[in-house]
N, C-alpha and C. Protein backbone atom coordinates (compact mmCIF):
# COMPACT_ATOMS: atom_id res chain seq x y z
N MET A 1 -11.76 -21.22 1.25
CA MET A 1 -12.04 -20.16 2.20
C MET A 1 -13.46 -20.29 2.71
N LYS A 2 -13.61 -20.01 3.97
CA LYS A 2 -14.93 -20.02 4.58
C LYS A 2 -15.31 -18.59 4.97
N ASN A 3 -16.59 -18.37 5.18
CA ASN A 3 -17.10 -17.12 5.71
C ASN A 3 -16.62 -15.89 4.95
N ILE A 4 -16.86 -15.87 3.66
CA ILE A 4 -16.49 -14.71 2.86
C ILE A 4 -17.58 -13.67 3.00
N TYR A 5 -17.18 -12.43 3.22
CA TYR A 5 -18.09 -11.33 3.47
C TYR A 5 -17.72 -10.15 2.57
N PHE A 6 -18.72 -9.52 1.95
CA PHE A 6 -18.48 -8.36 1.12
C PHE A 6 -19.37 -7.23 1.59
N ASP A 7 -18.77 -6.09 1.88
CA ASP A 7 -19.51 -4.90 2.31
C ASP A 7 -19.52 -3.92 1.15
N PRO A 8 -20.64 -3.79 0.39
CA PRO A 8 -20.67 -2.92 -0.78
C PRO A 8 -20.59 -1.43 -0.44
N GLU A 9 -20.93 -1.04 0.76
CA GLU A 9 -20.84 0.37 1.14
C GLU A 9 -19.40 0.83 1.29
N ARG A 10 -18.54 -0.04 1.83
CA ARG A 10 -17.14 0.32 2.04
C ARG A 10 -16.21 -0.35 1.05
N TRP A 11 -16.73 -1.22 0.19
CA TRP A 11 -15.94 -1.96 -0.80
C TRP A 11 -14.83 -2.76 -0.14
N ILE A 12 -15.20 -3.48 0.91
CA ILE A 12 -14.23 -4.31 1.61
C ILE A 12 -14.63 -5.76 1.47
N LEU A 13 -13.69 -6.57 1.05
CA LEU A 13 -13.88 -8.00 0.94
C LEU A 13 -13.03 -8.65 2.02
N SER A 14 -13.65 -9.49 2.85
CA SER A 14 -12.87 -10.14 3.89
C SER A 14 -13.21 -11.61 3.95
N ALA A 15 -12.28 -12.37 4.49
CA ALA A 15 -12.46 -13.80 4.66
C ALA A 15 -11.97 -14.18 6.03
N GLU A 16 -12.80 -14.82 6.80
CA GLU A 16 -12.46 -15.25 8.15
C GLU A 16 -11.89 -14.09 8.96
N ASN A 17 -12.55 -12.93 8.92
CA ASN A 17 -12.21 -11.75 9.70
C ASN A 17 -10.89 -11.09 9.32
N SER A 18 -10.33 -11.40 8.17
CA SER A 18 -9.09 -10.77 7.70
C SER A 18 -9.37 -10.02 6.41
N VAL A 19 -9.05 -8.75 6.38
CA VAL A 19 -9.25 -7.99 5.16
C VAL A 19 -8.22 -8.45 4.14
N ILE A 20 -8.69 -8.83 2.94
CA ILE A 20 -7.75 -9.29 1.92
C ILE A 20 -7.67 -8.33 0.74
N SER A 21 -8.57 -7.41 0.62
CA SER A 21 -8.50 -6.44 -0.47
C SER A 21 -9.41 -5.27 -0.14
N THR A 22 -8.98 -4.08 -0.50
CA THR A 22 -9.78 -2.90 -0.25
C THR A 22 -9.79 -2.04 -1.50
N ARG A 23 -10.96 -1.56 -1.88
CA ARG A 23 -11.06 -0.59 -2.97
C ARG A 23 -11.93 0.53 -2.46
N LEU A 24 -11.49 1.74 -2.58
CA LEU A 24 -12.25 2.88 -2.07
C LEU A 24 -13.34 3.25 -3.05
N LYS A 25 -14.54 3.44 -2.52
CA LYS A 25 -15.69 3.75 -3.37
C LYS A 25 -15.52 5.12 -4.03
N ASN A 26 -15.06 6.10 -3.28
CA ASN A 26 -14.83 7.45 -3.81
C ASN A 26 -13.34 7.73 -3.82
N ALA A 27 -12.61 7.07 -4.68
CA ALA A 27 -11.15 7.17 -4.69
C ALA A 27 -10.67 8.59 -4.97
N SER A 28 -11.49 9.43 -5.57
CA SER A 28 -11.06 10.79 -5.85
C SER A 28 -10.82 11.58 -4.57
N HIS A 29 -11.39 11.14 -3.44
CA HIS A 29 -11.17 11.81 -2.16
C HIS A 29 -9.85 11.39 -1.53
N TYR A 30 -9.23 10.37 -2.03
CA TYR A 30 -7.99 9.86 -1.49
C TYR A 30 -6.94 9.92 -2.58
N SER A 31 -5.79 10.48 -2.27
CA SER A 31 -4.83 10.63 -3.35
C SER A 31 -3.97 9.40 -3.55
N SER A 32 -3.61 8.65 -2.51
CA SER A 32 -2.70 7.51 -2.65
C SER A 32 -3.40 6.19 -2.41
N LEU A 33 -3.09 5.22 -3.26
CA LEU A 33 -3.61 3.86 -3.13
C LEU A 33 -2.45 2.88 -3.23
N VAL A 34 -2.56 1.75 -2.52
CA VAL A 34 -1.53 0.71 -2.54
C VAL A 34 -2.22 -0.61 -2.81
N PHE A 35 -1.70 -1.39 -3.76
CA PHE A 35 -2.29 -2.70 -4.04
C PHE A 35 -1.25 -3.63 -4.61
N PRO A 36 -1.34 -4.94 -4.44
CA PRO A 36 -2.28 -5.59 -3.53
C PRO A 36 -1.85 -5.38 -2.08
N ASN A 37 -2.78 -5.39 -1.20
CA ASN A 37 -2.51 -5.22 0.22
C ASN A 37 -3.50 -6.08 0.98
N PRO A 38 -3.04 -7.18 1.55
CA PRO A 38 -1.67 -7.63 1.79
C PRO A 38 -0.97 -8.08 0.52
N THR A 39 0.37 -8.10 0.60
CA THR A 39 1.19 -8.51 -0.53
C THR A 39 2.31 -9.42 -0.06
N ASN A 40 2.89 -10.16 -1.01
CA ASN A 40 4.06 -10.97 -0.67
C ASN A 40 5.25 -10.61 -1.56
N GLY A 41 5.15 -9.55 -2.33
CA GLY A 41 6.26 -9.23 -3.22
C GLY A 41 6.18 -7.86 -3.82
N ILE A 42 5.75 -7.78 -5.08
CA ILE A 42 5.70 -6.51 -5.80
C ILE A 42 4.45 -5.73 -5.39
N LEU A 43 4.67 -4.49 -5.03
CA LEU A 43 3.62 -3.60 -4.55
C LEU A 43 3.46 -2.47 -5.56
N THR A 44 2.24 -2.16 -5.94
CA THR A 44 1.96 -1.03 -6.82
C THR A 44 1.43 0.11 -5.99
N VAL A 45 2.03 1.28 -6.16
CA VAL A 45 1.63 2.48 -5.43
C VAL A 45 1.15 3.49 -6.46
N TYR A 46 -0.03 4.06 -6.22
CA TYR A 46 -0.65 4.97 -7.18
C TYR A 46 -1.07 6.25 -6.46
N ASP A 47 -0.82 7.37 -7.08
CA ASP A 47 -1.31 8.66 -6.57
C ASP A 47 -2.06 9.33 -7.70
N ASN A 48 -3.31 9.70 -7.46
CA ASN A 48 -4.13 10.24 -8.54
C ASN A 48 -3.99 11.74 -8.74
N THR A 49 -3.08 12.38 -7.98
CA THR A 49 -2.93 13.82 -8.14
C THR A 49 -1.54 14.25 -8.62
N LEU A 50 -0.48 13.64 -8.06
CA LEU A 50 0.88 14.09 -8.36
C LEU A 50 1.81 12.89 -8.58
N PRO A 51 2.89 13.08 -9.34
CA PRO A 51 3.87 12.00 -9.52
C PRO A 51 4.57 11.66 -8.20
N ILE A 52 4.84 10.39 -8.01
CA ILE A 52 5.50 9.90 -6.80
C ILE A 52 7.01 10.02 -6.99
N HIS A 53 7.66 10.70 -6.03
CA HIS A 53 9.11 10.90 -6.09
C HIS A 53 9.87 9.86 -5.28
N SER A 54 9.32 9.47 -4.12
CA SER A 54 10.00 8.47 -3.30
C SER A 54 9.00 7.71 -2.44
N ILE A 55 9.43 6.51 -2.05
CA ILE A 55 8.63 5.66 -1.17
C ILE A 55 9.55 5.13 -0.08
N ARG A 56 9.10 5.24 1.16
CA ARG A 56 9.85 4.70 2.29
C ARG A 56 8.97 3.72 3.04
N VAL A 57 9.57 2.63 3.49
CA VAL A 57 8.85 1.60 4.23
C VAL A 57 9.43 1.55 5.64
N PHE A 58 8.54 1.62 6.64
CA PHE A 58 8.94 1.60 8.04
C PHE A 58 8.35 0.37 8.72
N ASP A 59 9.16 -0.27 9.59
CA ASP A 59 8.65 -1.43 10.32
C ASP A 59 7.85 -0.98 11.54
N GLU A 60 7.41 -1.94 12.35
CA GLU A 60 6.55 -1.64 13.50
C GLU A 60 7.24 -0.79 14.56
N THR A 61 8.57 -0.77 14.57
CA THR A 61 9.30 0.03 15.55
C THR A 61 9.59 1.43 15.05
N GLY A 62 9.24 1.73 13.80
CA GLY A 62 9.49 3.04 13.22
C GLY A 62 10.81 3.13 12.47
N ARG A 63 11.52 2.03 12.36
CA ARG A 63 12.80 2.00 11.65
C ARG A 63 12.55 1.90 10.15
N MET A 64 13.23 2.75 9.37
CA MET A 64 13.09 2.68 7.92
C MET A 64 13.83 1.44 7.42
N VAL A 65 13.09 0.55 6.72
CA VAL A 65 13.67 -0.70 6.24
C VAL A 65 13.88 -0.71 4.74
N LYS A 66 13.31 0.26 4.05
CA LYS A 66 13.49 0.35 2.59
C LYS A 66 13.18 1.77 2.15
N LYS A 67 13.99 2.26 1.22
CA LYS A 67 13.74 3.58 0.62
C LYS A 67 14.01 3.46 -0.87
N VAL A 68 13.07 4.00 -1.66
CA VAL A 68 13.22 4.00 -3.11
C VAL A 68 12.98 5.42 -3.60
N ASP A 69 14.00 5.99 -4.25
CA ASP A 69 13.87 7.29 -4.90
C ASP A 69 13.76 7.02 -6.40
N PHE A 70 12.78 7.63 -7.02
CA PHE A 70 12.52 7.38 -8.43
C PHE A 70 13.17 8.46 -9.29
N GLU A 71 13.98 8.03 -10.24
CA GLU A 71 14.65 8.95 -11.15
C GLU A 71 13.63 9.65 -12.05
N PHE A 72 12.59 8.91 -12.44
CA PHE A 72 11.53 9.45 -13.28
C PHE A 72 10.21 9.36 -12.53
N PRO A 73 9.82 10.40 -11.78
CA PRO A 73 8.57 10.37 -11.04
C PRO A 73 7.37 10.12 -11.96
N ALA A 74 6.43 9.31 -11.46
CA ALA A 74 5.21 9.00 -12.19
C ALA A 74 4.09 8.78 -11.19
N ASN A 75 2.85 8.80 -11.65
CA ASN A 75 1.71 8.61 -10.75
C ASN A 75 1.59 7.18 -10.26
N GLN A 76 2.20 6.24 -10.96
CA GLN A 76 2.17 4.84 -10.53
C GLN A 76 3.59 4.29 -10.51
N GLN A 77 3.96 3.69 -9.38
CA GLN A 77 5.30 3.12 -9.21
C GLN A 77 5.17 1.73 -8.61
N GLU A 78 6.19 0.91 -8.83
CA GLU A 78 6.23 -0.42 -8.23
C GLU A 78 7.42 -0.53 -7.29
N VAL A 79 7.21 -1.25 -6.18
CA VAL A 79 8.25 -1.46 -5.18
C VAL A 79 8.28 -2.94 -4.85
N ASP A 80 9.48 -3.50 -4.82
CA ASP A 80 9.64 -4.92 -4.47
C ASP A 80 9.98 -5.02 -2.99
N ILE A 81 9.06 -5.61 -2.22
CA ILE A 81 9.32 -5.79 -0.79
C ILE A 81 9.41 -7.28 -0.45
N SER A 82 9.70 -8.10 -1.44
CA SER A 82 9.74 -9.55 -1.23
C SER A 82 10.82 -9.97 -0.26
N THR A 83 11.87 -9.17 -0.08
CA THR A 83 12.95 -9.54 0.83
C THR A 83 12.64 -9.18 2.29
N LEU A 84 11.58 -8.42 2.52
CA LEU A 84 11.21 -8.06 3.90
C LEU A 84 10.45 -9.20 4.55
N PRO A 85 10.60 -9.37 5.87
CA PRO A 85 9.84 -10.42 6.56
C PRO A 85 8.35 -10.08 6.64
N ALA A 86 7.53 -11.11 6.82
CA ALA A 86 6.09 -10.91 6.97
C ALA A 86 5.84 -10.09 8.24
N ALA A 87 5.12 -8.98 8.08
CA ALA A 87 4.85 -8.09 9.22
C ALA A 87 3.94 -6.96 8.76
N TYR A 88 3.59 -6.09 9.72
CA TYR A 88 2.87 -4.86 9.41
C TYR A 88 3.90 -3.77 9.17
N TYR A 89 3.64 -2.92 8.16
CA TYR A 89 4.55 -1.83 7.82
C TYR A 89 3.75 -0.56 7.59
N LEU A 90 4.44 0.58 7.65
CA LEU A 90 3.90 1.85 7.22
C LEU A 90 4.63 2.25 5.96
N LEU A 91 3.89 2.69 4.98
CA LEU A 91 4.43 3.08 3.69
C LEU A 91 4.27 4.59 3.57
N GLU A 92 5.38 5.30 3.40
CA GLU A 92 5.34 6.75 3.25
C GLU A 92 5.56 7.09 1.78
N ILE A 93 4.60 7.75 1.18
CA ILE A 93 4.62 8.07 -0.24
C ILE A 93 4.81 9.58 -0.38
N GLU A 94 5.90 9.99 -1.05
CA GLU A 94 6.21 11.41 -1.17
C GLU A 94 6.07 11.87 -2.62
N THR A 95 5.26 12.92 -2.79
CA THR A 95 5.15 13.60 -4.08
C THR A 95 5.82 14.96 -3.93
N MET A 96 5.75 15.78 -4.95
CA MET A 96 6.37 17.10 -4.87
C MET A 96 5.71 17.97 -3.78
N LYS A 97 4.42 17.75 -3.52
CA LYS A 97 3.70 18.61 -2.57
C LYS A 97 3.16 17.89 -1.35
N THR A 98 3.09 16.57 -1.36
CA THR A 98 2.45 15.85 -0.26
C THR A 98 3.28 14.67 0.22
N VAL A 99 2.99 14.25 1.44
CA VAL A 99 3.52 13.01 1.99
C VAL A 99 2.34 12.27 2.59
N SER A 100 2.08 11.06 2.10
CA SER A 100 0.98 10.23 2.59
C SER A 100 1.56 9.01 3.29
N THR A 101 0.90 8.58 4.34
CA THR A 101 1.33 7.37 5.05
C THR A 101 0.18 6.38 5.04
N LEU A 102 0.46 5.16 4.58
CA LEU A 102 -0.55 4.11 4.50
C LEU A 102 -0.06 2.86 5.21
N LYS A 103 -1.00 2.08 5.72
CA LYS A 103 -0.67 0.79 6.34
C LYS A 103 -0.47 -0.26 5.26
N LEU A 104 0.45 -1.19 5.52
CA LEU A 104 0.78 -2.24 4.58
C LEU A 104 0.98 -3.54 5.34
N ILE A 105 0.48 -4.63 4.79
CA ILE A 105 0.69 -5.96 5.39
C ILE A 105 1.50 -6.78 4.41
N LYS A 106 2.66 -7.25 4.87
CA LYS A 106 3.51 -8.15 4.08
C LYS A 106 3.25 -9.56 4.60
N ILE A 107 2.87 -10.49 3.68
CA ILE A 107 2.60 -11.87 4.06
C ILE A 107 3.69 -12.77 3.51
N ARG A 108 3.74 -13.98 4.02
CA ARG A 108 4.72 -14.97 3.54
C ARG A 108 4.37 -15.38 2.12
N GLU A 109 5.41 -15.78 1.40
CA GLU A 109 5.20 -16.25 0.02
C GLU A 109 4.63 -17.63 -0.01
């Protein structure tokens, strides 16, 4: 990799103008986190306030391409998106009281 850049104020690591990992400095202000992002397979979704009940993945056109309802809600869940094509997605994370939407990048394996 060339041109690796690290911004300690925003905790963003990028290489050749592409963000490859993000960690929030004050994560307590944000309830939902997704990692790794970008990903090529198993995605970990974490909510620091409430257990996650369901996760929905939407493609660029707004079509729901995956839905996972969890029988046992927990603050951390895993979702396998390895069968989805490489693209940009929106991830909707539903807890008992909130719905969060986060951007997700699926890359080729």
